[in-house]
Amino acid sequence: MKIRRPQLPRTRAGWRRLVQGVMAGCVLALLPATWLFVSTGDRLRDAADVPRTQVAVVFGAGLWDGEPSPYLAHRLDAAAELYRAGRIKVVLVTGDNSREDYDEPDAMRAYLTRHGVPDARIVSDYAGFDTWDSCVRAKRIFGVDRAVLISQGFHIRRAVALCEAAGVDSYGVGVSDKHDVTWYYGGTREVFAAGKAALDVVFRPDPRFLGPKEPGVARALASGR
């Protein structure tokens, strides 16, 4: 079967319609990212001025040989700093544990305990397979109504928007990192991830795994410092 190649316009009007179509496609593609930027502007804070909140949520960002990746380590450092400063009381670590040889939440817990956060003040969510799942589970499974969210700057707006949509009153702390290849990749990826975020907010799908409610956060808050 012979495949016909697309034909370029041969008239000025045809070129004009093509350019207009491309421009309209670009505008539509950027609408979700614009929504994230506009809707979360007043919800971003620095570690020094974020409101005192009982719970912080740290999102997984990959492991290297079983240890937190540099980006994830920076998120955890920010959480430990907030805990030591008395601005949060409990850290909910949410990440991927979909297979036996990959366990983000336990690696995050171990890192935090090495950096001064008591084990009793850390709660693990083993089914935070993506940002929407983590936000919905924080609300529906762990009973979190208000939280400080910690992630890299290129991701934090999406995290705040999704957690707000899931019913968690959220403030975001964007962790600074050097603008290397990973940072630029993450920033580019967010343009496309914003589209999925918009769909999540509209259709509100259940997480991949929901399960029963867990008292971990309430128990951690009731424990001594």
Protein backbone atom coordinates (compact mmCIF):
# COMPACT_ATOMS: atom_id res chain seq x y z
CA MET A 1 0.00 0.00 0.00
CA LYS A 2 1.47 3.32 -1.07
CA ILE A 3 1.49 6.03 1.57
CA ARG A 4 0.89 9.52 0.31
CA ARG A 5 3.16 12.21 1.65
CA PRO A 6 1.43 15.29 3.09
CA GLN A 7 1.35 18.11 0.59
CA LEU A 8 2.49 21.58 1.55
CA PRO A 9 0.20 24.47 0.66
CA ARG A 10 0.73 25.97 -2.78
CA THR A 11 -1.07 29.25 -2.21
CA ARG A 12 -0.60 32.17 0.12
CA ALA A 13 -4.01 31.52 1.67
CA GLY A 14 -3.07 27.89 2.26
CA TRP A 15 0.15 28.88 4.02
CA ARG A 16 -1.79 31.36 6.12
CA ARG A 17 -4.24 28.66 7.23
CA LEU A 18 -1.35 26.33 8.04
CA VAL A 19 0.42 28.93 10.16
CA GLN A 20 -2.83 29.81 11.93
CA GLY A 21 -3.44 26.14 12.67
CA VAL A 22 0.06 25.67 14.09
CA MET A 23 -0.31 28.78 16.25
CA ALA A 24 -3.71 27.64 17.53
CA GLY A 25 -2.23 24.23 18.40
CA CYS A 26 0.60 25.87 20.32
CA VAL A 27 -1.83 28.07 22.27
CA LEU A 28 -4.00 25.09 23.17
CA ALA A 29 -0.94 23.08 24.24
CA LEU A 30 0.20 25.88 26.55
CA LEU A 31 -3.20 26.56 28.15
CA PRO A 32 -2.80 23.92 30.92
CA ALA A 33 0.65 25.25 31.84
CA THR A 34 -0.74 28.78 31.94
CA TRP A 35 -3.56 27.59 34.21
CA LEU A 36 -1.02 26.07 36.62
CA PHE A 37 1.03 29.25 36.68
CA VAL A 38 -1.93 31.56 37.29
CA SER A 39 -3.85 29.39 39.76
CA THR A 40 -0.95 28.69 42.13
CA GLY A 41 0.90 32.00 42.25
CA ASP A 42 -0.24 32.94 45.75
CA ARG A 43 0.46 29.47 47.14
CA LEU A 44 4.23 29.35 46.72
CA ARG A 45 6.51 30.16 49.63
CA ASP A 46 10.14 30.00 50.72
CA ALA A 47 11.13 27.64 53.52
CA ALA A 48 11.59 30.66 55.80
CA ASP A 49 8.08 32.09 55.39
CA VAL A 50 5.87 29.07 54.69
CA PRO A 51 2.95 28.96 57.17
CA ARG A 52 3.36 26.66 60.15
CA THR A 53 1.54 23.49 59.17
CA GLN A 54 1.24 20.13 60.84
CA VAL A 55 2.05 18.02 57.76
CA ALA A 56 4.56 18.26 54.94
CA VAL A 57 4.27 16.07 51.85
CA VAL A 58 7.44 15.08 49.99
CA PHE A 59 6.99 13.54 46.55
CA GLY A 60 9.31 10.80 45.30
CA ALA A 61 11.87 11.65 42.62
CA GLY A 62 13.79 8.47 41.93
CA LEU A 63 16.48 6.36 43.58
CA TRP A 64 20.11 5.80 42.71
CA ASP A 65 21.37 2.41 43.91
CA GLY A 66 18.65 2.35 46.55
CA GLU A 67 19.39 5.86 47.83
CA PRO A 68 17.47 9.07 47.09
CA SER A 69 18.54 10.74 43.87
CA PRO A 70 20.15 14.18 44.29
CA TYR A 71 16.86 15.87 43.42
CA LEU A 72 14.95 13.77 45.95
CA ALA A 73 17.64 14.34 48.57
CA HIS A 74 17.21 18.11 48.16
CA ARG A 75 13.46 17.74 48.75
CA LEU A 76 14.12 15.72 51.89
CA ASP A 77 16.71 18.23 53.10
CA ALA A 78 14.06 20.95 52.85
CA ALA A 79 11.60 18.83 54.84
CA ALA A 80 14.20 18.14 57.54
CA GLU A 81 14.98 21.87 57.71
CA LEU A 82 11.30 22.71 58.16
CA TYR A 83 10.97 20.11 60.89
CA ARG A 84 14.03 21.36 62.80
CA ALA A 85 12.68 24.91 62.53
CA GLY A 86 9.37 23.78 64.08
CA ARG A 87 7.34 24.76 61.00
CA ILE A 88 6.00 21.22 60.47
CA LYS A 89 5.36 18.28 62.78
CA VAL A 90 4.99 15.27 60.47
CA VAL A 91 6.43 14.35 57.08
CA LEU A 92 4.35 12.23 54.70
CA VAL A 93 6.72 10.64 52.16
CA THR A 94 4.90 9.44 49.07
CA GLY A 95 6.44 7.44 46.27
CA ASP A 96 6.65 4.29 44.23
CA ASN A 97 6.91 0.82 45.76
CA SER A 98 5.36 -1.11 42.90
CA ARG A 99 8.05 -3.80 42.94
CA GLU A 100 10.16 -5.47 45.63
CA ASP A 101 13.49 -4.06 44.45
CA TYR A 102 12.32 -0.43 44.34
CA ASP A 103 11.09 1.32 47.48
CA GLU A 104 11.09 5.10 47.43
CA PRO A 105 9.19 5.68 50.72
CA ASP A 106 11.53 3.53 52.83
CA ALA A 107 14.60 5.16 51.27
CA MET A 108 13.08 8.56 51.99
CA ARG A 109 12.32 7.58 55.58
CA ALA A 110 15.86 6.35 56.16
CA TYR A 111 17.31 9.58 54.76
CA LEU A 112 15.11 11.75 56.96
CA THR A 113 15.99 9.83 60.12
CA ARG A 114 19.68 10.28 59.32
CA HIS A 115 19.01 14.01 59.10
CA GLY A 116 17.28 14.48 62.42
CA VAL A 117 13.61 13.68 61.81
CA PRO A 118 12.35 11.08 64.33
CA ASP A 119 11.04 7.91 62.77
CA ALA A 120 7.76 8.32 64.66
CA ARG A 121 7.20 11.62 62.82
CA ILE A 122 7.47 10.08 59.35
CA VAL A 123 4.53 8.45 57.55
CA SER A 124 4.97 6.39 54.39
CA ASP A 125 2.63 6.23 51.41
CA TYR A 126 3.75 3.30 49.27
CA ALA A 127 1.28 3.92 46.44
CA GLY A 128 2.15 7.45 45.35
CA PHE A 129 2.64 6.41 41.74
CA ASP A 130 2.11 9.92 40.39
CA THR A 131 1.31 13.38 41.73
CA TRP A 132 -2.47 13.02 41.46
CA ASP A 133 -2.42 9.66 43.25
CA SER A 134 -0.28 11.12 46.02
CA CYS A 135 -2.58 14.09 46.53
CA VAL A 136 -5.80 12.06 46.52
CA ARG A 137 -4.34 9.47 48.89
CA ALA A 138 -3.05 12.19 51.24
CA LYS A 139 -6.63 13.43 51.58
CA ARG A 140 -8.71 10.26 51.39
CA ILE A 141 -6.40 7.67 52.94
CA PHE A 142 -4.29 9.66 55.40
CA GLY A 143 -6.83 12.37 56.27
CA VAL A 144 -4.57 15.33 55.43
CA ASP A 145 -6.60 18.54 55.12
CA ARG A 146 -3.74 21.05 55.00
CA ALA A 147 -0.11 20.55 54.02
CA VAL A 148 3.16 22.05 52.89
CA LEU A 149 4.23 20.41 49.64
CA ILE A 150 7.92 20.07 48.83
CA SER A 151 9.30 19.52 45.34
CA GLN A 152 11.51 21.13 42.70
CA GLY A 153 10.45 24.49 41.34
CA PHE A 154 9.44 23.09 37.95
CA HIS A 155 7.03 20.59 39.59
CA ILE A 156 5.69 22.42 42.63
CA ARG A 157 2.93 24.36 40.84
CA ARG A 158 1.42 21.17 39.47
CA ALA A 159 1.64 19.53 42.89
CA VAL A 160 -0.15 22.46 44.54
CA ALA A 161 -2.88 22.61 41.90
CA LEU A 162 -3.57 18.89 42.09
CA CYS A 163 -3.57 18.73 45.88
CA GLU A 164 -5.90 21.73 46.03
CA ALA A 165 -8.22 19.93 43.59
CA ALA A 166 -8.03 16.82 45.77
CA GLY A 167 -9.19 18.81 48.81
CA VAL A 168 -5.86 19.53 50.51
CA ASP A 169 -5.30 23.19 51.42
CA SER A 170 -1.73 23.45 50.15
CA TYR A 171 1.32 25.68 50.15
CA GLY A 172 4.31 24.81 48.00
CA VAL A 173 8.01 25.10 48.71
CA GLY A 174 10.05 24.91 45.53
CA VAL A 175 13.53 23.50 46.08
CA SER A 176 16.29 25.20 44.12
CA ASP A 177 18.66 23.11 41.99
CA LYS A 178 21.31 23.88 39.44
CA HIS A 179 19.96 24.15 35.90
CA ASP A 180 21.52 20.97 34.50
CA VAL A 181 20.22 18.54 31.88
CA THR A 182 17.87 16.92 34.40
CA TRP A 183 16.40 20.29 35.37
CA TYR A 184 15.72 21.26 31.76
CA TYR A 185 14.23 17.84 31.08
CA GLY A 186 11.96 18.22 34.11
CA GLY A 187 10.87 21.67 33.03
CA THR A 188 10.07 20.48 29.50
CA ARG A 189 8.22 17.45 30.83
CA GLU A 190 6.01 19.70 32.93
CA VAL A 191 4.58 21.37 29.83
CA PHE A 192 3.13 18.00 28.80
CA ALA A 193 2.33 16.89 32.36
CA ALA A 194 0.20 20.01 32.76
CA GLY A 195 -2.21 18.57 30.22
CA LYS A 196 -2.65 15.39 32.25
CA ALA A 197 -3.06 17.50 35.38
CA ALA A 198 -5.92 19.39 33.76
CA LEU A 199 -7.60 16.11 32.83
CA ASP A 200 -7.13 14.80 36.38
CA VAL A 201 -8.81 17.89 37.79
CA VAL A 202 -11.72 17.63 35.36
CA PHE A 203 -12.36 13.88 35.57
CA ARG A 204 -10.94 13.19 39.08
CA PRO A 205 -10.00 9.54 38.55
CA ASP A 206 -9.42 7.24 41.51
CA PRO A 207 -5.75 6.49 42.24
CA ARG A 208 -4.28 3.31 40.81
CA PHE A 209 -4.50 1.89 44.32
CA LEU A 210 -6.74 3.37 46.99
CA GLY A 211 -7.22 0.88 49.80
CA PRO A 212 -8.45 1.44 53.37
CA LYS A 213 -7.91 4.57 55.43
CA GLU A 214 -4.68 4.67 57.43
CA PRO A 215 -4.20 6.37 60.84
CA GLY A 216 -0.49 7.01 60.35
CA VAL A 217 -0.65 10.81 60.20
CA ALA A 218 -3.00 11.15 63.18
CA ARG A 219 -0.84 8.74 65.17
CA ALA A 220 2.35 10.63 64.29
CA LEU A 221 0.79 13.94 65.29
CA ALA A 222 -0.23 12.47 68.64
CA SER A 223 3.25 11.15 69.39
CA GLY A 224 5.81 13.19 71.36
CA ARG A 225 8.36 15.33 69.56
